[in-house]
């Protein structure tokens, strides 16, 4: 359905950073928008 990246710093909760759906739609947490890009190489 989707693949993504999450991150966790010591003492903090894990947060979803970026996700890409099977349809190619992407979402990003606000703090990384414009800086991070998620992509997939299906092959």
ModelCIF file with pLDDT and N, C-alpha, C, O atoms, coordinates in Angstrom:
data_MODEL
#
_entry.id   MODEL 
#
_entity.id                         1 
_entity.type                       polymer 
_entity.pdbx_number_of_molecules   1 
#
_entity_poly.entity_id                      1 
_entity_poly.type                           'polypeptide(L)' 
_entity_poly.nstd_linkage                   no 
_entity_poly.nstd_monomer                   no 
_entity_poly.pdbx_seq_one_letter_code       
;(UNK)(UNK)(UNK)(UNK)(UNK)(UNK)(UNK)(UNK)(UNK)(UNK)(UNK)(UNK)(UNK)(UNK)(UNK)(UNK)
(UNK)(UNK)(UNK)(UNK)(UNK)(UNK)(UNK)(UNK)(UNK)(UNK)(UNK)(UNK)(UNK)(UNK)(UNK)(UNK)
(UNK)(UNK)(UNK)(UNK)(UNK)(UNK)(UNK)(UNK)(UNK)(UNK)(UNK)
;
_entity_poly.pdbx_seq_one_letter_code_can   XXXXXXXXXXXXXXXXXXXXXXXXXXXXXXXXXXXXXXXXXXX 
_entity_poly.pdbx_strand_id                 A 
#
loop_
_entity_poly_seq.entity_id 
_entity_poly_seq.num 
_entity_poly_seq.mon_id 
_entity_poly_seq.hetero 
1 1  UNK n 
1 2  UNK n 
1 3  UNK n 
1 4  UNK n 
1 5  UNK n 
1 6  UNK n 
1 7  UNK n 
1 8  UNK n 
1 9  UNK n 
1 10 UNK n 
1 11 UNK n 
1 12 UNK n 
1 13 UNK n 
1 14 UNK n 
1 15 UNK n 
1 16 UNK n 
1 17 UNK n 
1 18 UNK n 
1 19 UNK n 
1 20 UNK n 
1 21 UNK n 
1 22 UNK n 
1 23 UNK n 
1 24 UNK n 
1 25 UNK n 
1 26 UNK n 
1 27 UNK n 
1 28 UNK n 
1 29 UNK n 
1 30 UNK n 
1 31 UNK n 
1 32 UNK n 
1 33 UNK n 
1 34 UNK n 
1 35 UNK n 
1 36 UNK n 
1 37 UNK n 
1 38 UNK n 
1 39 UNK n 
1 40 UNK n 
1 41 UNK n 
1 42 UNK n 
1 43 UNK n 
#
_struct_asym.id          A 
_struct_asym.entity_id   1 
#
loop_
_ma_qa_metric.id 
_ma_qa_metric.mode 
_ma_qa_metric.name 
_ma_qa_metric.software_group_id 
_ma_qa_metric.type 
1 global pLDDT . pLDDT 
2 local  pLDDT . pLDDT 
#
_ma_qa_metric_global.metric_id      1 
_ma_qa_metric_global.metric_value   95.35 
_ma_qa_metric_global.model_id       1 
_ma_qa_metric_global.ordinal_id     1 
#
loop_
_ma_qa_metric_local.label_asym_id 
_ma_qa_metric_local.label_comp_id 
_ma_qa_metric_local.label_seq_id 
_ma_qa_metric_local.metric_id 
_ma_qa_metric_local.metric_value 
_ma_qa_metric_local.model_id 
_ma_qa_metric_local.ordinal_id 
A UNK 1  2 93.00 1 1  
A UNK 2  2 94.00 1 2  
A UNK 3  2 95.00 1 3  
A UNK 4  2 96.00 1 4  
A UNK 5  2 98.00 1 5  
A UNK 6  2 98.00 1 6  
A UNK 7  2 98.00 1 7  
A UNK 8  2 98.00 1 8  
A UNK 9  2 97.00 1 9  
A UNK 10 2 92.00 1 10 
A UNK 11 2 93.00 1 11 
A UNK 12 2 95.00 1 12 
A UNK 13 2 96.00 1 13 
A UNK 14 2 96.00 1 14 
A UNK 15 2 97.00 1 15 
A UNK 16 2 96.00 1 16 
A UNK 17 2 98.00 1 17 
A UNK 18 2 98.00 1 18 
A UNK 19 2 97.00 1 19 
A UNK 20 2 96.00 1 20 
A UNK 21 2 94.00 1 21 
A UNK 22 2 89.00 1 22 
A UNK 23 2 91.00 1 23 
A UNK 24 2 92.00 1 24 
A UNK 25 2 96.00 1 25 
A UNK 26 2 98.00 1 26 
A UNK 27 2 98.00 1 27 
A UNK 28 2 98.00 1 28 
A UNK 29 2 98.00 1 29 
A UNK 30 2 98.00 1 30 
A UNK 31 2 97.00 1 31 
A UNK 32 2 98.00 1 32 
A UNK 33 2 98.00 1 33 
A UNK 34 2 98.00 1 34 
A UNK 35 2 98.00 1 35 
A UNK 36 2 98.00 1 36 
A UNK 37 2 98.00 1 37 
A UNK 38 2 98.00 1 38 
A UNK 39 2 96.00 1 39 
A UNK 40 2 93.00 1 40 
A UNK 41 2 90.00 1 41 
A UNK 42 2 82.00 1 42 
A UNK 43 2 83.00 1 43 
#
loop_
_atom_site.group_PDB 
_atom_site.id 
_atom_site.type_symbol 
_atom_site.label_atom_id 
_atom_site.label_alt_id 
_atom_site.label_comp_id 
_atom_site.label_asym_id 
_atom_site.label_entity_id 
_atom_site.label_seq_id 
_atom_site.pdbx_PDB_ins_code 
_atom_site.Cartn_x 
_atom_site.Cartn_y 
_atom_site.Cartn_z 
_atom_site.occupancy 
_atom_site.B_iso_or_equiv 
_atom_site.pdbx_formal_charge 
_atom_site.auth_seq_id 
_atom_site.auth_comp_id 
_atom_site.auth_asym_id 
_atom_site.auth_atom_id 
_atom_site.pdbx_PDB_model_num 
ATOM 1   N N  . UNK A 1 1  ? 0.819  -1.207 0.000   1.00 93.00 ? 1  UNK A N  1 
ATOM 2   C CA . UNK A 1 1  ? 0.000  0.000  0.000   1.00 93.00 ? 1  UNK A CA 1 
ATOM 3   C C  . UNK A 1 1  ? 0.855  1.261  0.000   1.00 93.00 ? 1  UNK A C  1 
ATOM 4   O O  . UNK A 1 1  ? 0.504  2.259  -0.629  1.00 93.00 ? 1  UNK A O  1 
ATOM 5   N N  . UNK A 1 2  ? 1.978  1.207  0.709   1.00 94.00 ? 2  UNK A N  1 
ATOM 6   C CA . UNK A 1 2  ? 2.837  2.372  0.794   1.00 94.00 ? 2  UNK A CA 1 
ATOM 7   C C  . UNK A 1 2  ? 4.186  1.985  1.376   1.00 94.00 ? 2  UNK A C  1 
ATOM 8   O O  . UNK A 1 2  ? 4.320  0.957  2.039   1.00 94.00 ? 2  UNK A O  1 
ATOM 9   N N  . UNK A 1 3  ? 5.173  2.815  1.120   1.00 95.00 ? 3  UNK A N  1 
ATOM 10  C CA . UNK A 1 3  ? 6.473  2.686  1.757   1.00 95.00 ? 3  UNK A CA 1 
ATOM 11  C C  . UNK A 1 3  ? 6.879  4.054  2.263   1.00 95.00 ? 3  UNK A C  1 
ATOM 12  O O  . UNK A 1 3  ? 6.476  5.079  1.712   1.00 95.00 ? 3  UNK A O  1 
ATOM 13  N N  . UNK A 1 4  ? 7.672  4.063  3.306   1.00 96.00 ? 4  UNK A N  1 
ATOM 14  C CA . UNK A 1 4  ? 8.053  5.345  3.857   1.00 96.00 ? 4  UNK A CA 1 
ATOM 15  C C  . UNK A 1 4  ? 9.243  5.278  4.782   1.00 96.00 ? 4  UNK A C  1 
ATOM 16  O O  . UNK A 1 4  ? 9.880  4.237  4.948   1.00 96.00 ? 4  UNK A O  1 
ATOM 17  N N  . UNK A 1 5  ? 9.521  6.411  5.374   1.00 98.00 ? 5  UNK A N  1 
ATOM 18  C CA . UNK A 1 5  ? 10.612 6.562  6.321   1.00 98.00 ? 5  UNK A CA 1 
ATOM 19  C C  . UNK A 1 5  ? 10.111 7.242  7.576   1.00 98.00 ? 5  UNK A C  1 
ATOM 20  O O  . UNK A 1 5  ? 9.360  8.217  7.514   1.00 98.00 ? 5  UNK A O  1 
ATOM 21  N N  . UNK A 1 6  ? 10.529 6.724  8.704   1.00 98.00 ? 6  UNK A N  1 
ATOM 22  C CA . UNK A 1 6  ? 10.263 7.351  9.984   1.00 98.00 ? 6  UNK A CA 1 
ATOM 23  C C  . UNK A 1 6  ? 11.586 7.560  10.699  1.00 98.00 ? 6  UNK A C  1 
ATOM 24  O O  . UNK A 1 6  ? 12.590 6.943  10.342  1.00 98.00 ? 6  UNK A O  1 
ATOM 25  N N  . UNK A 1 7  ? 11.597 8.414  11.694  1.00 98.00 ? 7  UNK A N  1 
ATOM 26  C CA . UNK A 1 7  ? 12.815 8.656  12.448  1.00 98.00 ? 7  UNK A CA 1 
ATOM 27  C C  . UNK A 1 7  ? 12.507 8.788  13.922  1.00 98.00 ? 7  UNK A C  1 
ATOM 28  O O  . UNK A 1 7  ? 11.394 9.129  14.324  1.00 98.00 ? 7  UNK A O  1 
ATOM 29  N N  . UNK A 1 8  ? 13.523 8.509  14.714  1.00 98.00 ? 8  UNK A N  1 
ATOM 30  C CA . UNK A 1 8  ? 13.380 8.614  16.155  1.00 98.00 ? 8  UNK A CA 1 
ATOM 31  C C  . UNK A 1 8  ? 14.684 9.078  16.768  1.00 98.00 ? 8  UNK A C  1 
ATOM 32  O O  . UNK A 1 8  ? 15.731 8.456  16.587  1.00 98.00 ? 8  UNK A O  1 
ATOM 33  N N  . UNK A 1 9  ? 14.609 10.169 17.489  1.00 97.00 ? 9  UNK A N  1 
ATOM 34  C CA . UNK A 1 9  ? 15.752 10.692 18.227  1.00 97.00 ? 9  UNK A CA 1 
ATOM 35  C C  . UNK A 1 9  ? 15.637 10.246 19.680  1.00 97.00 ? 9  UNK A C  1 
ATOM 36  O O  . UNK A 1 9  ? 14.533 9.973  20.151  1.00 97.00 ? 9  UNK A O  1 
ATOM 37  N N  . UNK A 1 10 ? 16.752 10.167 20.398  1.00 92.00 ? 10 UNK A N  1 
ATOM 38  C CA . UNK A 1 10 ? 16.706 9.757  21.800  1.00 92.00 ? 10 UNK A CA 1 
ATOM 39  C C  . UNK A 1 10 ? 15.751 10.613 22.616  1.00 92.00 ? 10 UNK A C  1 
ATOM 40  O O  . UNK A 1 10 ? 15.801 11.842 22.559  1.00 92.00 ? 10 UNK A O  1 
ATOM 41  N N  . UNK A 1 11 ? 14.887 9.961  23.371  1.00 93.00 ? 11 UNK A N  1 
ATOM 42  C CA . UNK A 1 11 ? 13.947 10.672 24.210  1.00 93.00 ? 11 UNK A CA 1 
ATOM 43  C C  . UNK A 1 11 ? 12.741 11.231 23.495  1.00 93.00 ? 11 UNK A C  1 
ATOM 44  O O  . UNK A 1 11 ? 11.904 11.889 24.113  1.00 93.00 ? 11 UNK A O  1 
ATOM 45  N N  . UNK A 1 12 ? 12.636 10.982 22.206  1.00 95.00 ? 12 UNK A N  1 
ATOM 46  C CA . UNK A 1 12 ? 11.514 11.497 21.440  1.00 95.00 ? 12 UNK A CA 1 
ATOM 47  C C  . UNK A 1 12 ? 10.745 10.354 20.791  1.00 95.00 ? 12 UNK A C  1 
ATOM 48  O O  . UNK A 1 12 ? 11.264 9.252  20.615  1.00 95.00 ? 12 UNK A O  1 
ATOM 49  N N  . UNK A 1 13 ? 9.509  10.640 20.444  1.00 96.00 ? 13 UNK A N  1 
ATOM 50  C CA . UNK A 1 13 ? 8.671  9.647  19.795  1.00 96.00 ? 13 UNK A CA 1 
ATOM 51  C C  . UNK A 1 13 ? 9.061  9.489  18.330  1.00 96.00 ? 13 UNK A C  1 
ATOM 52  O O  . UNK A 1 13 ? 9.575  10.413 17.700  1.00 96.00 ? 13 UNK A O  1 
ATOM 53  N N  . UNK A 1 14 ? 8.806  8.304  17.812  1.00 96.00 ? 14 UNK A N  1 
ATOM 54  C CA . UNK A 1 14 ? 9.053  8.076  16.404  1.00 96.00 ? 14 UNK A CA 1 
ATOM 55  C C  . UNK A 1 14 ? 8.046  8.873  15.579  1.00 96.00 ? 14 UNK A C  1 
ATOM 56  O O  . UNK A 1 14 ? 6.856  8.895  15.893  1.00 96.00 ? 14 UNK A O  1 
ATOM 57  N N  . UNK A 1 15 ? 8.522  9.515  14.540  1.00 97.00 ? 15 UNK A N  1 
ATOM 58  C CA . UNK A 1 15 ? 7.653  10.286 13.678  1.00 97.00 ? 15 UNK A CA 1 
ATOM 59  C C  . UNK A 1 15 ? 7.829  9.855  12.228  1.00 97.00 ? 15 UNK A C  1 
ATOM 60  O O  . UNK A 1 15 ? 8.932  9.523  11.792  1.00 97.00 ? 15 UNK A O  1 
ATOM 61  N N  . UNK A 1 16 ? 6.746  9.865  11.507  1.00 96.00 ? 16 UNK A N  1 
ATOM 62  C CA . UNK A 1 16 ? 6.791  9.544  10.089  1.00 96.00 ? 16 UNK A CA 1 
ATOM 63  C C  . UNK A 1 16 ? 7.338  10.748 9.344   1.00 96.00 ? 16 UNK A C  1 
ATOM 64  O O  . UNK A 1 16 ? 6.808  11.853 9.461   1.00 96.00 ? 16 UNK A O  1 
ATOM 65  N N  . UNK A 1 17 ? 8.390  10.535 8.585   1.00 98.00 ? 17 UNK A N  1 
ATOM 66  C CA . UNK A 1 17 ? 9.046  11.615 7.867   1.00 98.00 ? 17 UNK A CA 1 
ATOM 67  C C  . UNK A 1 17 ? 8.490  11.769 6.461   1.00 98.00 ? 17 UNK A C  1 
ATOM 68  O O  . UNK A 1 17 ? 8.169  12.876 6.027   1.00 98.00 ? 17 UNK A O  1 
ATOM 69  N N  . UNK A 1 18 ? 8.379  10.662 5.760   1.00 98.00 ? 18 UNK A N  1 
ATOM 70  C CA . UNK A 1 18 ? 7.915  10.696 4.380   1.00 98.00 ? 18 UNK A CA 1 
ATOM 71  C C  . UNK A 1 18 ? 7.275  9.367  4.020   1.00 98.00 ? 18 UNK A C  1 
ATOM 72  O O  . UNK A 1 18 ? 7.647  8.318  4.547   1.00 98.00 ? 18 UNK A O  1 
ATOM 73  N N  . UNK A 1 19 ? 6.323  9.426  3.130   1.00 97.00 ? 19 UNK A N  1 
ATOM 74  C CA . UNK A 1 19 ? 5.655  8.213  2.681   1.00 97.00 ? 19 UNK A CA 1 
ATOM 75  C C  . UNK A 1 19 ? 5.249  8.371  1.227   1.00 97.00 ? 19 UNK A C  1 
ATOM 76  O O  . UNK A 1 19 ? 4.872  9.456  0.785   1.00 97.00 ? 19 UNK A O  1 
ATOM 77  N N  . UNK A 1 20 ? 5.331  7.268  0.489   1.00 96.00 ? 20 UNK A N  1 
ATOM 78  C CA . UNK A 1 20 ? 4.879  7.252  -0.892  1.00 96.00 ? 20 UNK A CA 1 
ATOM 79  C C  . UNK A 1 20 ? 3.937  6.076  -1.061  1.00 96.00 ? 20 UNK A C  1 
ATOM 80  O O  . UNK A 1 20 ? 4.270  4.951  -0.689  1.00 96.00 ? 20 UNK A O  1 
ATOM 81  N N  . UNK A 1 21 ? 2.771  6.326  -1.617  1.00 94.00 ? 21 UNK A N  1 
ATOM 82  C CA . UNK A 1 21 ? 1.769  5.295  -1.794  1.00 94.00 ? 21 UNK A CA 1 
ATOM 83  C C  . UNK A 1 21 ? 2.035  4.509  -3.065  1.00 94.00 ? 21 UNK A C  1 
ATOM 84  O O  . UNK A 1 21 ? 2.875  4.886  -3.882  1.00 94.00 ? 21 UNK A O  1 
ATOM 85  N N  . UNK A 1 22 ? 1.303  3.406  -3.220  1.00 89.00 ? 22 UNK A N  1 
ATOM 86  C CA . UNK A 1 22 ? 1.444  2.600  -4.423  1.00 89.00 ? 22 UNK A CA 1 
ATOM 87  C C  . UNK A 1 22 ? 1.038  3.367  -5.673  1.00 89.00 ? 22 UNK A C  1 
ATOM 88  O O  . UNK A 1 22 ? 1.460  3.028  -6.779  1.00 89.00 ? 22 UNK A O  1 
ATOM 89  N N  . UNK A 1 23 ? 0.226  4.389  -5.501  1.00 91.00 ? 23 UNK A N  1 
ATOM 90  C CA . UNK A 1 23 ? -0.199 5.227  -6.608  1.00 91.00 ? 23 UNK A CA 1 
ATOM 91  C C  . UNK A 1 23 ? 0.779  6.360  -6.894  1.00 91.00 ? 23 UNK A C  1 
ATOM 92  O O  . UNK A 1 23 ? 0.609  7.099  -7.864  1.00 91.00 ? 23 UNK A O  1 
ATOM 93  N N  . UNK A 1 24 ? 1.794  6.496  -6.060  1.00 92.00 ? 24 UNK A N  1 
ATOM 94  C CA . UNK A 1 24 ? 2.796  7.516  -6.273  1.00 92.00 ? 24 UNK A CA 1 
ATOM 95  C C  . UNK A 1 24 ? 2.594  8.798  -5.501  1.00 92.00 ? 24 UNK A C  1 
ATOM 96  O O  . UNK A 1 24 ? 3.385  9.732  -5.632  1.00 92.00 ? 24 UNK A O  1 
ATOM 97  N N  . UNK A 1 25 ? 1.550  8.859  -4.699  1.00 96.00 ? 25 UNK A N  1 
ATOM 98  C CA . UNK A 1 25 ? 1.313  10.051 -3.897  1.00 96.00 ? 25 UNK A CA 1 
ATOM 99  C C  . UNK A 1 25 ? 2.297  10.111 -2.741  1.00 96.00 ? 25 UNK A C  1 
ATOM 100 O O  . UNK A 1 25 ? 2.588  9.095  -2.109  1.00 96.00 ? 25 UNK A O  1 
ATOM 101 N N  . UNK A 1 26 ? 2.803  11.292 -2.470  1.00 98.00 ? 26 UNK A N  1 
ATOM 102 C CA . UNK A 1 26 ? 3.788  11.465 -1.409  1.00 98.00 ? 26 UNK A CA 1 
ATOM 103 C C  . UNK A 1 26 ? 3.267  12.382 -0.321  1.00 98.00 ? 26 UNK A C  1 
ATOM 104 O O  . UNK A 1 26 ? 2.494  13.305 -0.578  1.00 98.00 ? 26 UNK A O  1 
ATOM 105 N N  . UNK A 1 27 ? 3.703  12.112 0.892   1.00 98.00 ? 27 UNK A N  1 
ATOM 106 C CA . UNK A 1 27 ? 3.408  12.969 2.026   1.00 98.00 ? 27 UNK A CA 1 
ATOM 107 C C  . UNK A 1 27 ? 4.671  13.145 2.844   1.00 98.00 ? 27 UNK A C  1 
ATOM 108 O O  . UNK A 1 27 ? 5.506  12.244 2.917   1.00 98.00 ? 27 UNK A O  1 
ATOM 109 N N  . UNK A 1 28 ? 4.808  14.309 3.459   1.00 98.00 ? 28 UNK A N  1 
ATOM 110 C CA . UNK A 1 28 ? 5.971  14.625 4.262   1.00 98.00 ? 28 UNK A CA 1 
ATOM 111 C C  . UNK A 1 28 ? 5.542  15.307 5.546   1.00 98.00 ? 28 UNK A C  1 
ATOM 112 O O  . UNK A 1 28 ? 4.547  16.030 5.580   1.00 98.00 ? 28 UNK A O  1 
ATOM 113 N N  . UNK A 1 29 ? 6.295  15.069 6.586   1.00 98.00 ? 29 UNK A N  1 
ATOM 114 C CA . UNK A 1 29 ? 6.067  15.831 7.793   1.00 98.00 ? 29 UNK A CA 1 
ATOM 115 C C  . UNK A 1 29 ? 6.506  17.266 7.537   1.00 98.00 ? 29 UNK A C  1 
ATOM 116 O O  . UNK A 1 29 ? 7.419  17.512 6.749   1.00 98.00 ? 29 UNK A O  1 
ATOM 117 N N  . UNK A 1 30 ? 5.861  18.198 8.196   1.00 98.00 ? 30 UNK A N  1 
ATOM 118 C CA . UNK A 1 30 ? 6.048  19.614 7.901   1.00 98.00 ? 30 UNK A CA 1 
ATOM 119 C C  . UNK A 1 30 ? 7.502  20.052 7.990   1.00 98.00 ? 30 UNK A C  1 
ATOM 120 O O  . UNK A 1 30 ? 7.947  20.877 7.192   1.00 98.00 ? 30 UNK A O  1 
ATOM 121 N N  . UNK A 1 31 ? 8.235  19.524 8.928   1.00 97.00 ? 31 UNK A N  1 
ATOM 122 C CA . UNK A 1 31 ? 9.593  19.984 9.165   1.00 97.00 ? 31 UNK A CA 1 
ATOM 123 C C  . UNK A 1 31 ? 10.579 19.631 8.054   1.00 97.00 ? 31 UNK A C  1 
ATOM 124 O O  . UNK A 1 31 ? 11.670 20.198 8.002   1.00 97.00 ? 31 UNK A O  1 
ATOM 125 N N  . UNK A 1 32 ? 10.216 18.706 7.164   1.00 98.00 ? 32 UNK A N  1 
ATOM 126 C CA . UNK A 1 32 ? 11.145 18.306 6.105   1.00 98.00 ? 32 UNK A CA 1 
ATOM 127 C C  . UNK A 1 32 ? 10.656 18.700 4.722   1.00 98.00 ? 32 UNK A C  1 
ATOM 128 O O  . UNK A 1 32 ? 11.349 18.458 3.734   1.00 98.00 ? 32 UNK A O  1 
ATOM 129 N N  . UNK A 1 33 ? 9.499  19.290 4.633   1.00 98.00 ? 33 UNK A N  1 
ATOM 130 C CA . UNK A 1 33 ? 8.963  19.679 3.335   1.00 98.00 ? 33 UNK A CA 1 
ATOM 131 C C  . UNK A 1 33 ? 9.903  20.656 2.634   1.00 98.00 ? 33 UNK A C  1 
ATOM 132 O O  . UNK A 1 33 ? 10.385 21.622 3.226   1.00 98.00 ? 33 UNK A O  1 
ATOM 133 N N  . UNK A 1 34 ? 10.144 20.378 1.374   1.00 98.00 ? 34 UNK A N  1 
ATOM 134 C CA . UNK A 1 34 ? 11.043 21.203 0.595   1.00 98.00 ? 34 UNK A CA 1 
ATOM 135 C C  . UNK A 1 34 ? 12.493 20.814 0.714   1.00 98.00 ? 34 UNK A C  1 
ATOM 136 O O  . UNK A 1 34 ? 13.332 21.323 -0.029  1.00 98.00 ? 34 UNK A O  1 
ATOM 137 N N  . UNK A 1 35 ? 12.811 19.912 1.644   1.00 98.00 ? 35 UNK A N  1 
ATOM 138 C CA . UNK A 1 35 ? 14.188 19.484 1.848   1.00 98.00 ? 35 UNK A CA 1 
ATOM 139 C C  . UNK A 1 35 ? 14.397 18.004 1.547   1.00 98.00 ? 35 UNK A C  1 
ATOM 140 O O  . UNK A 1 35 ? 15.440 17.621 1.017   1.00 98.00 ? 35 UNK A O  1 
ATOM 141 N N  . UNK A 1 36 ? 13.421 17.177 1.879   1.00 98.00 ? 36 UNK A N  1 
ATOM 142 C CA . UNK A 1 36 ? 13.527 15.731 1.682   1.00 98.00 ? 36 UNK A CA 1 
ATOM 143 C C  . UNK A 1 36 ? 12.641 15.299 0.519   1.00 98.00 ? 36 UNK A C  1 
ATOM 144 O O  . UNK A 1 36 ? 11.585 15.882 0.272   1.00 98.00 ? 36 UNK A O  1 
ATOM 145 N N  . UNK A 1 37 ? 13.089 14.270 -0.186  1.00 98.00 ? 37 UNK A N  1 
ATOM 146 C CA . UNK A 1 37 ? 12.318 13.709 -1.285  1.00 98.00 ? 37 UNK A CA 1 
ATOM 147 C C  . UNK A 1 37 ? 12.343 12.191 -1.209  1.00 98.00 ? 37 UNK A C  1 
ATOM 148 O O  . UNK A 1 37 ? 13.411 11.586 -1.118  1.00 98.00 ? 37 UNK A O  1 
ATOM 149 N N  . UNK A 1 38 ? 11.172 11.577 -1.248  1.00 98.00 ? 38 UNK A N  1 
ATOM 150 C CA . UNK A 1 38 ? 11.077 10.130 -1.232  1.00 98.00 ? 38 UNK A CA 1 
ATOM 151 C C  . UNK A 1 38 ? 10.805 9.640  -2.650  1.00 98.00 ? 38 UNK A C  1 
ATOM 152 O O  . UNK A 1 38 ? 10.063 10.272 -3.402  1.00 98.00 ? 38 UNK A O  1 
ATOM 153 N N  . UNK A 1 39 ? 11.404 8.520  -3.007  1.00 96.00 ? 39 UNK A N  1 
ATOM 154 C CA . UNK A 1 39 ? 11.213 7.953  -4.331  1.00 96.00 ? 39 UNK A CA 1 
ATOM 155 C C  . UNK A 1 39 ? 11.385 6.443  -4.272  1.00 96.00 ? 39 UNK A C  1 
ATOM 156 O O  . UNK A 1 39 ? 11.911 5.903  -3.299  1.00 96.00 ? 39 UNK A O  1 
ATOM 157 N N  . UNK A 1 40 ? 10.935 5.769  -5.321  1.00 93.00 ? 40 UNK A N  1 
ATOM 158 C CA . UNK A 1 40 ? 11.006 4.309  -5.389  1.00 93.00 ? 40 UNK A CA 1 
ATOM 159 C C  . UNK A 1 40 ? 11.572 3.869  -6.729  1.00 93.00 ? 40 UNK A C  1 
ATOM 160 O O  . UNK A 1 40 ? 11.222 4.416  -7.775  1.00 93.00 ? 40 UNK A O  1 
ATOM 161 N N  . UNK A 1 41 ? 12.442 2.884  -6.687  1.00 90.00 ? 41 UNK A N  1 
ATOM 162 C CA . UNK A 1 41 ? 12.907 2.192  -7.872  1.00 90.00 ? 41 UNK A CA 1 
ATOM 163 C C  . UNK A 1 41 ? 12.269 0.813  -7.822  1.00 90.00 ? 41 UNK A C  1 
ATOM 164 O O  . UNK A 1 41 ? 12.757 -0.071 -7.118  1.00 90.00 ? 41 UNK A O  1 
ATOM 165 N N  . UNK A 1 42 ? 11.189 0.623  -8.557  1.00 82.00 ? 42 UNK A N  1 
ATOM 166 C CA . UNK A 1 42 ? 10.451 -0.630 -8.481  1.00 82.00 ? 42 UNK A CA 1 
ATOM 167 C C  . UNK A 1 42 ? 11.259 -1.812 -8.998  1.00 82.00 ? 42 UNK A C  1 
ATOM 168 O O  . UNK A 1 42 ? 11.093 -2.931 -8.512  1.00 82.00 ? 42 UNK A O  1 
ATOM 169 N N  . UNK A 1 43 ? 12.126 -1.582 -9.970  1.00 83.00 ? 43 UNK A N  1 
ATOM 170 C CA . UNK A 1 43 ? 12.939 -2.666 -10.514 1.00 83.00 ? 43 UNK A CA 1 
ATOM 171 C C  . UNK A 1 43 ? 13.890 -3.230 -9.473  1.00 83.00 ? 43 UNK A C  1 
ATOM 172 O O  . UNK A 1 43 ? 14.650 -4.152 -9.766  1.00 83.00 ? 43 UNK A O  1 
#
